[in-house]
Every structure is written in C-alpha cells, then in structure tokens.
N, C-alpha and C. Protein backbone atom coordinates (compact mmCIF):
# COMPACT_ATOMS: atom_id res chain seq x y z
N MET A 1 0.89 -1.19 0.01
CA MET A 1 0.05 0.04 0.00
C MET A 1 0.83 1.24 -0.01
N PHE A 2 0.46 2.24 -0.72
CA PHE A 2 1.28 3.47 -0.90
C PHE A 2 1.44 4.19 0.47
N LEU A 3 0.56 3.98 1.38
CA LEU A 3 0.61 4.57 2.70
C LEU A 3 2.01 4.25 3.31
N ARG A 4 2.40 2.99 3.26
CA ARG A 4 3.63 2.59 3.88
C ARG A 4 4.80 3.15 3.11
N VAL A 5 4.75 3.16 1.81
CA VAL A 5 5.83 3.78 0.96
C VAL A 5 6.01 5.22 1.38
N GLU A 6 4.96 5.92 1.45
CA GLU A 6 5.05 7.38 1.70
C GLU A 6 5.44 7.64 3.16
N ARG A 7 5.04 6.79 4.11
CA ARG A 7 5.48 6.95 5.49
C ARG A 7 7.02 6.79 5.59
N LYS A 8 7.52 5.75 4.91
CA LYS A 8 8.91 5.45 4.97
C LYS A 8 9.71 6.54 4.23
N ARG A 9 9.16 7.00 3.13
CA ARG A 9 9.85 8.04 2.34
C ARG A 9 10.04 9.30 3.20
N ARG A 10 9.08 9.58 4.03
CA ARG A 10 9.12 10.77 4.89
C ARG A 10 9.96 10.52 6.17
N GLY A 11 10.37 9.29 6.40
CA GLY A 11 11.13 8.95 7.55
C GLY A 11 10.30 8.91 8.86
N LEU A 12 9.04 8.61 8.69
CA LEU A 12 8.15 8.54 9.88
C LEU A 12 8.00 7.16 10.41
N THR A 13 7.88 6.98 11.69
CA THR A 13 7.62 5.67 12.29
C THR A 13 6.11 5.53 12.44
N LEU A 14 5.70 4.29 12.74
CA LEU A 14 4.27 4.06 12.96
C LEU A 14 3.82 4.83 14.20
N ALA A 15 4.66 4.95 15.18
CA ALA A 15 4.32 5.71 16.42
C ALA A 15 4.10 7.17 16.10
N GLU A 16 4.94 7.71 15.25
CA GLU A 16 4.81 9.14 14.91
C GLU A 16 3.47 9.40 14.14
N VAL A 17 3.14 8.53 13.19
CA VAL A 17 1.88 8.65 12.47
C VAL A 17 0.73 8.45 13.41
N SER A 18 0.86 7.51 14.38
CA SER A 18 -0.16 7.24 15.33
C SER A 18 -0.42 8.52 16.19
N ARG A 19 0.62 9.13 16.59
CA ARG A 19 0.45 10.41 17.39
C ARG A 19 -0.27 11.51 16.59
N ARG A 20 0.03 11.57 15.30
CA ARG A 20 -0.53 12.60 14.45
C ARG A 20 -2.02 12.34 14.14
N THR A 21 -2.39 11.09 14.06
CA THR A 21 -3.70 10.69 13.64
C THR A 21 -4.70 10.13 14.71
N GLY A 22 -4.08 9.67 15.82
CA GLY A 22 -4.91 9.03 16.81
C GLY A 22 -5.25 7.56 16.47
N ILE A 23 -4.65 6.97 15.48
CA ILE A 23 -4.88 5.61 15.11
C ILE A 23 -3.74 4.77 15.66
N HIS A 24 -4.08 3.66 16.41
CA HIS A 24 -3.12 2.83 17.06
C HIS A 24 -2.08 2.28 16.05
N PRO A 25 -0.85 2.24 16.49
CA PRO A 25 0.25 1.70 15.61
C PRO A 25 -0.02 0.34 14.99
N THR A 26 -0.60 -0.55 15.79
CA THR A 26 -0.89 -1.86 15.34
C THR A 26 -1.94 -1.82 14.16
N ALA A 27 -2.91 -0.96 14.30
CA ALA A 27 -3.89 -0.77 13.25
C ALA A 27 -3.29 -0.22 11.96
N LEU A 28 -2.38 0.77 12.18
CA LEU A 28 -1.68 1.34 11.05
C LEU A 28 -0.85 0.27 10.29
N SER A 29 -0.17 -0.54 11.04
CA SER A 29 0.65 -1.62 10.46
C SER A 29 -0.27 -2.61 9.63
N ARG A 30 -1.39 -2.92 10.25
CA ARG A 30 -2.32 -3.85 9.52
C ARG A 30 -2.89 -3.14 8.28
N LEU A 31 -3.15 -1.86 8.35
CA LEU A 31 -3.62 -1.12 7.15
C LEU A 31 -2.62 -1.15 6.05
N GLU A 32 -1.34 -0.92 6.44
CA GLU A 32 -0.26 -0.95 5.45
C GLU A 32 -0.11 -2.30 4.75
N ARG A 33 -0.30 -3.35 5.54
CA ARG A 33 -0.19 -4.71 4.98
C ARG A 33 -1.47 -5.21 4.25
N GLY A 34 -2.53 -4.42 4.31
CA GLY A 34 -3.76 -4.74 3.61
C GLY A 34 -4.57 -5.80 4.42
N GLU A 35 -4.27 -5.90 5.70
CA GLU A 35 -4.98 -6.84 6.53
C GLU A 35 -6.23 -6.20 7.25
N LEU A 36 -6.35 -4.93 7.08
CA LEU A 36 -7.46 -4.19 7.71
C LEU A 36 -7.91 -3.11 6.79
N ARG A 37 -9.18 -2.90 6.71
CA ARG A 37 -9.80 -1.85 5.90
C ARG A 37 -9.88 -0.60 6.72
N ALA A 38 -9.57 0.54 6.14
CA ALA A 38 -9.64 1.82 6.89
C ALA A 38 -11.08 2.33 6.97
N TYR A 39 -11.44 2.73 8.18
CA TYR A 39 -12.71 3.42 8.39
C TYR A 39 -12.62 4.72 7.62
N PRO A 40 -13.74 5.28 7.13
CA PRO A 40 -13.71 6.56 6.45
C PRO A 40 -13.02 7.68 7.28
N GLY A 41 -13.28 7.68 8.57
CA GLY A 41 -12.66 8.68 9.43
C GLY A 41 -11.14 8.54 9.45
N TRP A 42 -10.64 7.34 9.50
CA TRP A 42 -9.20 7.06 9.47
C TRP A 42 -8.63 7.53 8.10
N ARG A 43 -9.29 7.28 7.04
CA ARG A 43 -8.83 7.66 5.72
C ARG A 43 -8.68 9.23 5.68
N ARG A 44 -9.65 9.92 6.18
CA ARG A 44 -9.58 11.38 6.27
C ARG A 44 -8.45 11.92 7.11
N ARG A 45 -8.25 11.30 8.27
CA ARG A 45 -7.20 11.68 9.20
C ARG A 45 -5.83 11.41 8.55
N LEU A 46 -5.65 10.29 7.92
CA LEU A 46 -4.34 9.93 7.32
C LEU A 46 -4.09 10.88 6.08
N ALA A 47 -5.11 11.14 5.31
CA ALA A 47 -4.96 12.01 4.17
C ALA A 47 -4.60 13.43 4.65
N ARG A 48 -5.25 13.90 5.66
CA ARG A 48 -4.89 15.25 6.19
C ARG A 48 -3.42 15.27 6.73
N SER A 49 -3.10 14.21 7.44
CA SER A 49 -1.76 14.14 8.07
C SER A 49 -0.67 14.13 6.98
N PHE A 50 -0.89 13.39 5.92
CA PHE A 50 0.10 13.35 4.81
C PHE A 50 -0.07 14.40 3.74
N ARG A 51 -1.17 15.10 3.85
CA ARG A 51 -1.50 16.19 2.88
C ARG A 51 -1.50 15.57 1.42
N LEU A 52 -2.16 14.41 1.38
CA LEU A 52 -2.37 13.68 0.13
C LEU A 52 -3.79 13.22 0.01
N PRO A 53 -4.37 12.98 -1.19
CA PRO A 53 -5.68 12.44 -1.30
C PRO A 53 -5.73 10.99 -0.71
N ALA A 54 -6.81 10.62 -0.09
CA ALA A 54 -6.93 9.27 0.44
C ALA A 54 -6.77 8.24 -0.61
N ASP A 55 -7.30 8.47 -1.78
CA ASP A 55 -7.17 7.46 -2.85
C ASP A 55 -5.74 7.24 -3.24
N THR A 56 -4.90 8.25 -3.09
CA THR A 56 -3.43 8.02 -3.32
C THR A 56 -2.83 7.16 -2.27
N LEU A 57 -3.13 7.54 -1.05
CA LEU A 57 -2.49 6.75 0.10
C LEU A 57 -2.86 5.31 0.15
N PHE A 58 -4.13 4.98 -0.31
CA PHE A 58 -4.63 3.65 -0.22
C PHE A 58 -4.60 2.85 -1.53
N ARG A 59 -3.78 3.28 -2.43
CA ARG A 59 -3.62 2.55 -3.65
C ARG A 59 -2.57 1.41 -3.42
N GLU A 60 -2.73 0.39 -4.17
CA GLU A 60 -1.80 -0.77 -4.08
C GLU A 60 -0.57 -0.45 -4.87
N VAL A 61 0.59 -0.87 -4.32
CA VAL A 61 1.87 -0.72 -5.04
C VAL A 61 2.52 -2.12 -5.06
N PRO A 62 3.35 -2.40 -6.02
CA PRO A 62 4.05 -3.67 -5.99
C PRO A 62 4.89 -3.86 -4.74
N ALA A 63 4.96 -5.10 -4.30
CA ALA A 63 5.75 -5.38 -3.12
C ALA A 63 7.20 -5.23 -3.40
N ASP A 64 7.96 -4.74 -2.42
CA ASP A 64 9.38 -4.57 -2.54
C ASP A 64 10.05 -5.84 -2.05
N ASP A 65 10.68 -6.56 -3.04
CA ASP A 65 11.34 -7.80 -2.69
C ASP A 65 12.73 -7.60 -2.22
N GLY A 66 13.16 -6.32 -2.11
CA GLY A 66 14.54 -6.07 -1.62
C GLY A 66 15.61 -6.12 -2.69
N ASN A 67 15.25 -6.47 -3.90
CA ASN A 67 16.26 -6.62 -5.00
C ASN A 67 16.27 -5.25 -5.75
N PRO A 68 17.45 -4.75 -6.10
CA PRO A 68 17.50 -3.51 -6.81
C PRO A 68 16.93 -3.69 -8.28
N VAL A 69 16.34 -2.64 -8.72
CA VAL A 69 15.73 -2.62 -10.06
C VAL A 69 16.90 -2.52 -11.10
N THR A 70 16.94 -3.35 -12.11
CA THR A 70 17.97 -3.22 -13.12
C THR A 70 17.26 -3.11 -14.49
N ASP A 71 17.88 -2.42 -15.38
CA ASP A 71 17.31 -2.15 -16.73
C ASP A 71 17.79 -3.20 -17.67
C-alpha cells in the first residue's frame, strides 16, 4: 500500500503517524499490509496528516522484494 511507501519516504515511524492521527500503531501496520480496511474517518485523518488524497494513500503498489531494479 502506498501509505507505507510514503510513511517510509518521509522517515516517519508508525508511532509518529499514530500520534498525528490518533490511530493505534498496530492498526496502522495492519492497514499498510492490507489486513485491515480503513474506516472513512481514518482515511480522512491519514490524508490530512500526509496532505495527500486518500485514494493516493490507499492504492496498491508492487511489493518490494529487496532486490535492486535493473534495466
């Protein structure tokens, strides 16, 4: 999920995002892994916190297998 990519890009921990949004870190982790669906209120809080549209934050992205991309 792009939420995790963006959180890591900004250097934020789950605890920091939790403090900003009031969403428990465990719930945030499960959201990032696609194990939990976000309530509409959570989507709004996360979008506001990241200053991005909710649809952007909650789009699927390819899994990072840890291998560098080569052309």
